[in-house]
Amino acid sequence: MVLQLGLQNFFIIVGLHREPFHEAEPDTVVANPYAAESSKDGSGLQVRDLGQKSNPDTEARGHSRAAEDRHKQLLKRRVLREVCAFLLLGNVILWIMPAFGARPQFDHDTETQFYQFSMWAAVVNVGLPFGIFYRMHSVASLFEVYQKL
């Protein structure tokens, strides 16, 4: 449980400090190999060759690499959203059940036998509000992280 709470807190902290995901496409600049410029004698426009030929193989590799990077970014975003949704729903369940009176801590006899029933009941009743408080705030934080993704 300590490992789960530690990893969940790390996920929330990193998620809250992330930049929000933007759908904006990057600006593209297309170089024109032929430039039109007016001649100095006023006879009109002249077309000159800049000597740069576009290589379709280079352009195709650039577009495929950009598409591959975009696909990896979307896949990573989807995985993070799935993890966040799982943690959010798990915390809702672990928050709502004890808030409405479920006491699974008394279902197992190990703690009751070790601490005796009266001491274990006091530990559960003191710790229960802290657990509800933690889960409630985890749900709010995870929802904010989910919206950023």
N, C-alpha and C. Protein backbone atom coordinates (compact mmCIF):
# COMPACT_ATOMS: atom_id res chain seq x y z
N MET A 1 0.82 -1.19 0.00
CA MET A 1 0.00 0.00 0.00
C MET A 1 0.87 1.26 0.00
N VAL A 2 1.99 1.21 0.73
CA VAL A 2 2.89 2.36 0.76
C VAL A 2 3.48 2.59 -0.63
N LEU A 3 3.84 1.52 -1.33
CA LEU A 3 4.37 1.64 -2.69
C LEU A 3 3.31 2.22 -3.63
N GLN A 4 2.08 1.75 -3.51
CA GLN A 4 0.99 2.26 -4.35
C GLN A 4 0.75 3.75 -4.10
N LEU A 5 0.71 4.15 -2.85
CA LEU A 5 0.48 5.56 -2.53
C LEU A 5 1.66 6.43 -2.96
N GLY A 6 2.86 5.93 -2.80
CA GLY A 6 4.03 6.70 -3.23
C GLY A 6 4.07 6.90 -4.74
N LEU A 7 3.81 5.83 -5.49
CA LEU A 7 3.79 5.95 -6.96
C LEU A 7 2.63 6.82 -7.43
N GLN A 8 1.49 6.72 -6.76
CA GLN A 8 0.35 7.56 -7.12
C GLN A 8 0.67 9.03 -6.87
N ASN A 9 1.27 9.33 -5.74
CA ASN A 9 1.65 10.72 -5.44
C ASN A 9 2.66 11.24 -6.45
N PHE A 10 3.63 10.40 -6.83
CA PHE A 10 4.60 10.80 -7.84
C PHE A 10 3.91 11.08 -9.18
N PHE A 11 2.97 10.22 -9.57
CA PHE A 11 2.22 10.41 -10.81
C PHE A 11 1.43 11.72 -10.78
N ILE A 12 0.81 12.01 -9.66
CA ILE A 12 0.02 13.25 -9.53
C ILE A 12 0.94 14.47 -9.61
N ILE A 13 2.06 14.44 -8.90
CA ILE A 13 2.97 15.59 -8.90
C ILE A 13 3.54 15.84 -10.28
N VAL A 14 4.00 14.80 -10.94
CA VAL A 14 4.54 14.96 -12.29
C VAL A 14 3.44 15.40 -13.26
N GLY A 15 2.25 14.84 -13.11
CA GLY A 15 1.14 15.20 -14.00
C GLY A 15 0.68 16.64 -13.83
N LEU A 16 0.71 17.14 -12.61
CA LEU A 16 0.30 18.52 -12.38
C LEU A 16 1.34 19.52 -12.88
N HIS A 17 2.59 19.10 -12.98
CA HIS A 17 3.64 20.00 -13.46
C HIS A 17 3.88 19.88 -14.96
N ARG A 18 3.14 19.01 -15.64
CA ARG A 18 3.28 18.88 -17.10
C ARG A 18 2.62 20.04 -17.81
N GLU A 19 3.10 20.30 -19.00
CA GLU A 19 2.44 21.27 -19.86
C GLU A 19 1.19 20.61 -20.42
N PRO A 20 0.09 21.36 -20.55
CA PRO A 20 -1.11 20.77 -21.14
C PRO A 20 -0.86 20.37 -22.59
N PHE A 21 -1.58 19.35 -23.04
CA PHE A 21 -1.44 18.87 -24.40
C PHE A 21 -2.14 19.83 -25.35
N HIS A 22 -1.43 20.22 -26.40
CA HIS A 22 -2.00 21.12 -27.40
C HIS A 22 -2.12 20.39 -28.73
N GLU A 23 -3.26 20.53 -29.38
CA GLU A 23 -3.49 19.88 -30.67
C GLU A 23 -2.93 20.67 -31.84
N ALA A 24 -2.37 21.83 -31.61
CA ALA A 24 -1.93 22.70 -32.69
C ALA A 24 -0.84 22.03 -33.51
N GLU A 25 -0.98 22.14 -34.81
CA GLU A 25 0.02 21.63 -35.73
C GLU A 25 1.16 22.63 -35.82
N PRO A 26 2.38 22.16 -35.94
CA PRO A 26 3.49 23.10 -36.08
C PRO A 26 3.43 23.80 -37.44
N ASP A 27 3.93 25.02 -37.47
CA ASP A 27 3.96 25.77 -38.72
C ASP A 27 4.97 25.12 -39.65
N THR A 28 4.60 25.05 -40.91
CA THR A 28 5.52 24.51 -41.90
C THR A 28 5.92 25.60 -42.87
N VAL A 29 7.16 25.57 -43.24
CA VAL A 29 7.68 26.55 -44.19
C VAL A 29 8.09 25.78 -45.43
N VAL A 30 7.57 26.21 -46.56
CA VAL A 30 7.89 25.56 -47.82
C VAL A 30 8.77 26.51 -48.62
N ALA A 31 9.95 26.05 -48.98
CA ALA A 31 10.86 26.88 -49.76
C ALA A 31 10.51 26.75 -51.24
N ASN A 32 10.42 27.86 -51.92
CA ASN A 32 10.13 27.88 -53.34
C ASN A 32 11.45 27.88 -54.10
N PRO A 33 11.72 26.86 -54.91
CA PRO A 33 12.99 26.83 -55.61
C PRO A 33 13.09 27.88 -56.72
N TYR A 34 11.97 28.39 -57.15
CA TYR A 34 11.96 29.44 -58.18
C TYR A 34 11.43 30.71 -57.55
N ALA A 35 12.14 31.77 -57.68
CA ALA A 35 11.71 33.03 -57.10
C ALA A 35 11.48 34.02 -58.22
N ALA A 36 10.41 34.75 -58.12
CA ALA A 36 10.10 35.77 -59.13
C ALA A 36 10.56 37.11 -58.59
N GLU A 37 11.35 37.81 -59.38
CA GLU A 37 11.78 39.13 -58.97
C GLU A 37 11.71 40.04 -60.19
N SER A 38 11.46 41.26 -59.92
CA SER A 38 11.34 42.20 -61.04
C SER A 38 12.73 42.59 -61.52
N SER A 39 12.84 42.77 -62.83
CA SER A 39 14.14 43.17 -63.39
C SER A 39 14.35 44.65 -63.19
N LYS A 40 15.58 45.06 -63.23
CA LYS A 40 15.90 46.45 -62.95
C LYS A 40 15.56 47.36 -64.12
N ASP A 41 15.45 46.79 -65.32
CA ASP A 41 15.15 47.64 -66.47
C ASP A 41 13.65 47.85 -66.64
N GLY A 42 12.84 47.27 -65.75
CA GLY A 42 11.40 47.49 -65.77
C GLY A 42 10.67 46.66 -66.81
N SER A 43 11.30 45.64 -67.36
CA SER A 43 10.66 44.85 -68.40
C SER A 43 9.73 43.78 -67.84
N GLY A 44 9.56 43.72 -66.54
CA GLY A 44 8.61 42.77 -65.96
C GLY A 44 9.29 41.82 -65.00
N LEU A 45 8.63 40.72 -64.77
CA LEU A 45 9.13 39.74 -63.82
C LEU A 45 10.02 38.73 -64.51
N GLN A 46 11.08 38.36 -63.86
CA GLN A 46 11.94 37.31 -64.37
C GLN A 46 11.91 36.16 -63.37
N VAL A 47 11.93 34.96 -63.89
CA VAL A 47 11.97 33.78 -63.03
C VAL A 47 13.39 33.27 -63.06
N ARG A 48 13.97 33.09 -61.89
CA ARG A 48 15.32 32.58 -61.84
C ARG A 48 15.36 31.30 -61.03
N ASP A 49 16.23 30.44 -61.42
CA ASP A 49 16.41 29.17 -60.73
C ASP A 49 17.45 29.36 -59.64
N LEU A 50 17.08 29.00 -58.41
CA LEU A 50 18.01 29.17 -57.29
C LEU A 50 19.00 28.03 -57.21
N GLY A 51 18.83 27.04 -58.05
CA GLY A 51 19.77 25.93 -58.07
C GLY A 51 19.52 24.89 -57.00
N GLN A 52 18.42 25.00 -56.30
CA GLN A 52 18.11 24.03 -55.25
C GLN A 52 16.96 23.16 -55.75
N LYS A 53 17.24 21.94 -55.93
CA LYS A 53 16.21 20.98 -56.34
C LYS A 53 15.70 20.30 -55.08
N SER A 54 14.39 20.13 -54.99
CA SER A 54 13.83 19.44 -53.82
C SER A 54 13.97 17.95 -54.04
N ASN A 55 14.39 17.27 -53.02
CA ASN A 55 14.58 15.84 -53.07
C ASN A 55 13.36 15.18 -52.43
N PRO A 56 12.55 14.44 -53.21
CA PRO A 56 11.35 13.83 -52.63
C PRO A 56 11.66 12.80 -51.56
N ASP A 57 12.82 12.12 -51.65
CA ASP A 57 13.15 11.13 -50.63
C ASP A 57 13.38 11.79 -49.27
N THR A 58 14.09 12.92 -49.28
CA THR A 58 14.35 13.65 -48.04
C THR A 58 13.05 14.17 -47.44
N GLU A 59 12.18 14.71 -48.28
CA GLU A 59 10.90 15.22 -47.79
C GLU A 59 10.04 14.09 -47.23
N ALA A 60 10.04 12.94 -47.89
CA ALA A 60 9.24 11.79 -47.42
C ALA A 60 9.76 11.30 -46.08
N ARG A 61 11.10 11.24 -45.93
CA ARG A 61 11.65 10.81 -44.64
C ARG A 61 11.30 11.79 -43.53
N GLY A 62 11.32 13.07 -43.84
CA GLY A 62 10.99 14.09 -42.85
C GLY A 62 9.53 13.99 -42.42
N HIS A 63 8.65 13.76 -43.40
CA HIS A 63 7.22 13.62 -43.07
C HIS A 63 6.95 12.33 -42.31
N SER A 64 7.61 11.23 -42.68
CA SER A 64 7.37 9.97 -41.97
C SER A 64 7.92 10.03 -40.55
N ARG A 65 9.06 10.71 -40.36
CA ARG A 65 9.62 10.84 -39.02
C ARG A 65 8.69 11.70 -38.15
N ALA A 66 8.15 12.76 -38.72
CA ALA A 66 7.22 13.61 -37.97
C ALA A 66 5.95 12.84 -37.63
N ALA A 67 5.47 12.04 -38.58
CA ALA A 67 4.27 11.24 -38.32
C ALA A 67 4.54 10.19 -37.25
N GLU A 68 5.74 9.60 -37.29
CA GLU A 68 6.10 8.60 -36.28
C GLU A 68 6.21 9.23 -34.90
N ASP A 69 6.82 10.40 -34.82
CA ASP A 69 6.92 11.11 -33.54
C ASP A 69 5.54 11.48 -33.02
N ARG A 70 4.66 11.91 -33.90
CA ARG A 70 3.29 12.27 -33.51
C ARG A 70 2.55 11.03 -33.00
N HIS A 71 2.76 9.89 -33.68
CA HIS A 71 2.11 8.65 -33.26
C HIS A 71 2.60 8.21 -31.89
N LYS A 72 3.91 8.33 -31.64
CA LYS A 72 4.46 7.99 -30.31
C LYS A 72 3.90 8.90 -29.24
N GLN A 73 3.78 10.19 -29.56
CA GLN A 73 3.26 11.15 -28.60
C GLN A 73 1.80 10.83 -28.27
N LEU A 74 1.01 10.50 -29.28
CA LEU A 74 -0.40 10.16 -29.05
C LEU A 74 -0.53 8.86 -28.27
N LEU A 75 0.34 7.88 -28.55
CA LEU A 75 0.30 6.63 -27.82
C LEU A 75 0.66 6.85 -26.35
N LYS A 76 1.70 7.65 -26.10
CA LYS A 76 2.09 7.96 -24.73
C LYS A 76 0.96 8.69 -24.00
N ARG A 77 0.34 9.62 -24.69
CA ARG A 77 -0.77 10.37 -24.09
C ARG A 77 -1.93 9.44 -23.75
N ARG A 78 -2.22 8.49 -24.64
CA ARG A 78 -3.32 7.56 -24.40
C ARG A 78 -3.04 6.66 -23.20
N VAL A 79 -1.80 6.17 -23.10
CA VAL A 79 -1.42 5.32 -21.96
C VAL A 79 -1.53 6.11 -20.66
N LEU A 80 -1.06 7.35 -20.65
CA LEU A 80 -1.15 8.17 -19.45
C LEU A 80 -2.60 8.44 -19.07
N ARG A 81 -3.46 8.66 -20.06
CA ARG A 81 -4.88 8.87 -19.78
C ARG A 81 -5.52 7.61 -19.19
N GLU A 82 -5.13 6.44 -19.69
CA GLU A 82 -5.68 5.18 -19.18
C GLU A 82 -5.23 4.94 -17.73
N VAL A 83 -3.96 5.18 -17.45
CA VAL A 83 -3.46 5.02 -16.08
C VAL A 83 -4.16 5.99 -15.15
N CYS A 84 -4.31 7.22 -15.61
CA CYS A 84 -4.97 8.24 -14.79
C CYS A 84 -6.43 7.87 -14.53
N ALA A 85 -7.12 7.38 -15.55
CA ALA A 85 -8.53 6.98 -15.37
C ALA A 85 -8.63 5.81 -14.39
N PHE A 86 -7.71 4.84 -14.48
CA PHE A 86 -7.72 3.71 -13.55
C PHE A 86 -7.50 4.19 -12.12
N LEU A 87 -6.50 5.04 -11.91
CA LEU A 87 -6.25 5.56 -10.56
C LEU A 87 -7.42 6.39 -10.05
N LEU A 88 -8.04 7.17 -10.93
CA LEU A 88 -9.16 8.00 -10.53
C LEU A 88 -10.33 7.14 -10.07
N LEU A 89 -10.69 6.13 -10.85
CA LEU A 89 -11.81 5.26 -10.46
C LEU A 89 -11.50 4.44 -9.22
N GLY A 90 -10.25 3.97 -9.11
CA GLY A 90 -9.86 3.23 -7.90
C GLY A 90 -9.96 4.10 -6.66
N ASN A 91 -9.53 5.34 -6.75
CA ASN A 91 -9.62 6.24 -5.60
C ASN A 91 -11.06 6.61 -5.27
N VAL A 92 -11.92 6.73 -6.28
CA VAL A 92 -13.34 7.00 -6.01
C VAL A 92 -13.92 5.85 -5.19
N ILE A 93 -13.63 4.62 -5.60
CA ILE A 93 -14.15 3.46 -4.87
C ILE A 93 -13.60 3.43 -3.45
N LEU A 94 -12.28 3.65 -3.31
CA LEU A 94 -11.67 3.60 -1.98
C LEU A 94 -12.01 4.81 -1.12
N TRP A 95 -12.63 5.82 -1.71
CA TRP A 95 -13.10 6.99 -0.95
C TRP A 95 -14.56 6.81 -0.55
N ILE A 96 -15.39 6.36 -1.48
CA ILE A 96 -16.84 6.27 -1.23
C ILE A 96 -17.18 5.14 -0.26
N MET A 97 -16.54 3.98 -0.41
CA MET A 97 -16.89 2.84 0.46
C MET A 97 -16.73 3.16 1.94
N PRO A 98 -15.59 3.64 2.40
CA PRO A 98 -15.48 3.95 3.84
C PRO A 98 -16.32 5.15 4.26
N ALA A 99 -16.57 6.08 3.33
CA ALA A 99 -17.37 7.25 3.68
C ALA A 99 -18.80 6.87 4.01
N PHE A 100 -19.27 5.76 3.44
CA PHE A 100 -20.64 5.32 3.71
C PHE A 100 -20.71 4.15 4.68
N GLY A 101 -19.64 3.91 5.42
CA GLY A 101 -19.73 2.97 6.54
C GLY A 101 -19.09 1.62 6.33
N ALA A 102 -18.53 1.33 5.18
CA ALA A 102 -17.87 0.03 4.99
C ALA A 102 -16.57 0.02 5.79
N ARG A 103 -16.35 -1.02 6.53
CA ARG A 103 -15.15 -1.16 7.34
C ARG A 103 -14.45 -2.48 7.00
N PRO A 104 -13.76 -2.53 5.84
CA PRO A 104 -13.10 -3.79 5.47
C PRO A 104 -11.93 -4.13 6.40
N GLN A 105 -11.49 -3.19 7.22
CA GLN A 105 -10.40 -3.45 8.13
C GLN A 105 -10.78 -4.48 9.19
N PHE A 106 -12.08 -4.64 9.45
CA PHE A 106 -12.52 -5.59 10.47
C PHE A 106 -12.83 -6.97 9.88
N ASP A 107 -12.69 -7.13 8.55
CA ASP A 107 -12.99 -8.42 7.93
C ASP A 107 -11.89 -9.46 8.17
N HIS A 108 -10.68 -9.02 8.40
CA HIS A 108 -9.55 -9.93 8.62
C HIS A 108 -9.21 -9.96 10.10
N ASP A 109 -8.92 -11.14 10.58
CA ASP A 109 -8.67 -11.30 12.02
C ASP A 109 -7.23 -11.07 12.43
N THR A 110 -6.31 -10.93 11.50
CA THR A 110 -4.89 -10.80 11.85
C THR A 110 -4.64 -9.56 12.70
N GLU A 111 -5.14 -8.41 12.22
CA GLU A 111 -4.93 -7.18 12.96
C GLU A 111 -5.67 -7.20 14.29
N THR A 112 -6.87 -7.73 14.29
CA THR A 112 -7.67 -7.78 15.52
C THR A 112 -6.99 -8.67 16.57
N GLN A 113 -6.42 -9.78 16.14
CA GLN A 113 -5.74 -10.66 17.08
C GLN A 113 -4.44 -10.03 17.60
N PHE A 114 -3.73 -9.31 16.75
CA PHE A 114 -2.46 -8.73 17.17
C PHE A 114 -2.68 -7.54 18.11
N TYR A 115 -3.60 -6.62 17.75
CA TYR A 115 -3.81 -5.40 18.53
C TYR A 115 -4.91 -5.54 19.59
N GLN A 116 -5.68 -6.57 19.54
CA GLN A 116 -6.91 -6.74 20.31
C GLN A 116 -7.99 -5.83 19.70
N PHE A 117 -9.22 -6.21 19.84
CA PHE A 117 -10.30 -5.53 19.13
C PHE A 117 -10.43 -4.07 19.53
N SER A 118 -10.35 -3.74 20.80
CA SER A 118 -10.58 -2.36 21.23
C SER A 118 -9.50 -1.42 20.69
N MET A 119 -8.23 -1.86 20.72
CA MET A 119 -7.16 -1.02 20.20
C MET A 119 -7.25 -0.89 18.68
N TRP A 120 -7.56 -1.99 17.98
CA TRP A 120 -7.68 -1.95 16.52
C TRP A 120 -8.85 -1.06 16.11
N ALA A 121 -9.94 -1.08 16.83
CA ALA A 121 -11.09 -0.21 16.53
C ALA A 121 -10.71 1.25 16.70
N ALA A 122 -9.91 1.56 17.71
CA ALA A 122 -9.47 2.95 17.90
C ALA A 122 -8.55 3.39 16.76
N VAL A 123 -7.64 2.52 16.34
CA VAL A 123 -6.73 2.85 15.23
C VAL A 123 -7.52 3.09 13.95
N VAL A 124 -8.47 2.21 13.67
CA VAL A 124 -9.29 2.35 12.45
C VAL A 124 -10.12 3.62 12.52
N ASN A 125 -10.74 3.90 13.63
CA ASN A 125 -11.60 5.08 13.74
C ASN A 125 -10.82 6.39 13.70
N VAL A 126 -9.57 6.39 14.14
CA VAL A 126 -8.75 7.60 14.04
C VAL A 126 -8.19 7.74 12.63
N GLY A 127 -7.76 6.65 12.03
CA GLY A 127 -7.15 6.70 10.70
C GLY A 127 -8.14 6.82 9.56
N LEU A 128 -9.38 6.42 9.77
CA LEU A 128 -10.37 6.42 8.70
C LEU A 128 -10.64 7.82 8.11
N PRO A 129 -10.82 8.86 8.92
CA PRO A 129 -11.04 10.17 8.32
C PRO A 129 -9.85 10.66 7.49
N PHE A 130 -8.62 10.30 7.93
CA PHE A 130 -7.44 10.68 7.15
C PHE A 130 -7.42 9.96 5.80
N GLY A 131 -7.82 8.70 5.79
CA GLY A 131 -7.88 7.95 4.54
C GLY A 131 -8.92 8.51 3.58
N ILE A 132 -10.09 8.86 4.12
CA ILE A 132 -11.15 9.46 3.29
C ILE A 132 -10.68 10.80 2.74
N PHE A 133 -10.05 11.60 3.58
CA PHE A 133 -9.53 12.90 3.16
C PHE A 133 -8.50 12.75 2.05
N TYR A 134 -7.57 11.80 2.22
CA TYR A 134 -6.53 11.58 1.22
C TYR A 134 -7.14 11.14 -0.11
N ARG A 135 -8.03 10.17 -0.07
CA ARG A 135 -8.63 9.65 -1.31
C ARG A 135 -9.45 10.72 -2.02
N MET A 136 -10.18 11.53 -1.25
CA MET A 136 -10.99 12.59 -1.85
C MET A 136 -10.10 13.58 -2.60
N HIS A 137 -9.00 13.99 -1.99
CA HIS A 137 -8.11 14.94 -2.64
C HIS A 137 -7.32 14.30 -3.79
N SER A 138 -7.05 13.01 -3.69
CA SER A 138 -6.41 12.32 -4.81
C SER A 138 -7.33 12.29 -6.02
N VAL A 139 -8.62 12.09 -5.80
CA VAL A 139 -9.59 12.10 -6.91
C VAL A 139 -9.59 13.47 -7.57
N ALA A 140 -9.60 14.53 -6.79
CA ALA A 140 -9.61 15.88 -7.37
C ALA A 140 -8.33 16.14 -8.15
N SER A 141 -7.19 15.75 -7.61
CA SER A 141 -5.91 15.96 -8.30
C SER A 141 -5.81 15.12 -9.57
N LEU A 142 -6.24 13.87 -9.50
CA LEU A 142 -6.19 13.00 -10.68
C LEU A 142 -7.15 13.50 -11.77
N PHE A 143 -8.27 14.05 -11.38
CA PHE A 143 -9.19 14.62 -12.37
C PHE A 143 -8.55 15.82 -13.07
N GLU A 144 -7.82 16.62 -12.33
CA GLU A 144 -7.12 17.74 -12.94
C GLU A 144 -6.02 17.26 -13.89
N VAL A 145 -5.30 16.22 -13.49
CA VAL A 145 -4.27 15.64 -14.37
C VAL A 145 -4.92 15.07 -15.62
N TYR A 146 -6.05 14.40 -15.46
CA TYR A 146 -6.76 13.80 -16.61
C TYR A 146 -7.20 14.87 -17.60
N GLN A 147 -7.64 16.01 -17.10
CA GLN A 147 -8.05 17.08 -17.98
C GLN A 147 -6.86 17.68 -18.73
N LYS A 148 -5.69 17.71 -18.11
CA LYS A 148 -4.49 18.25 -18.78
C LYS A 148 -4.02 17.34 -19.90
N LEU A 149 -4.23 16.03 -19.71
CA LEU A 149 -3.77 15.07 -20.73
C LEU A 149 -4.72 15.14 -21.86
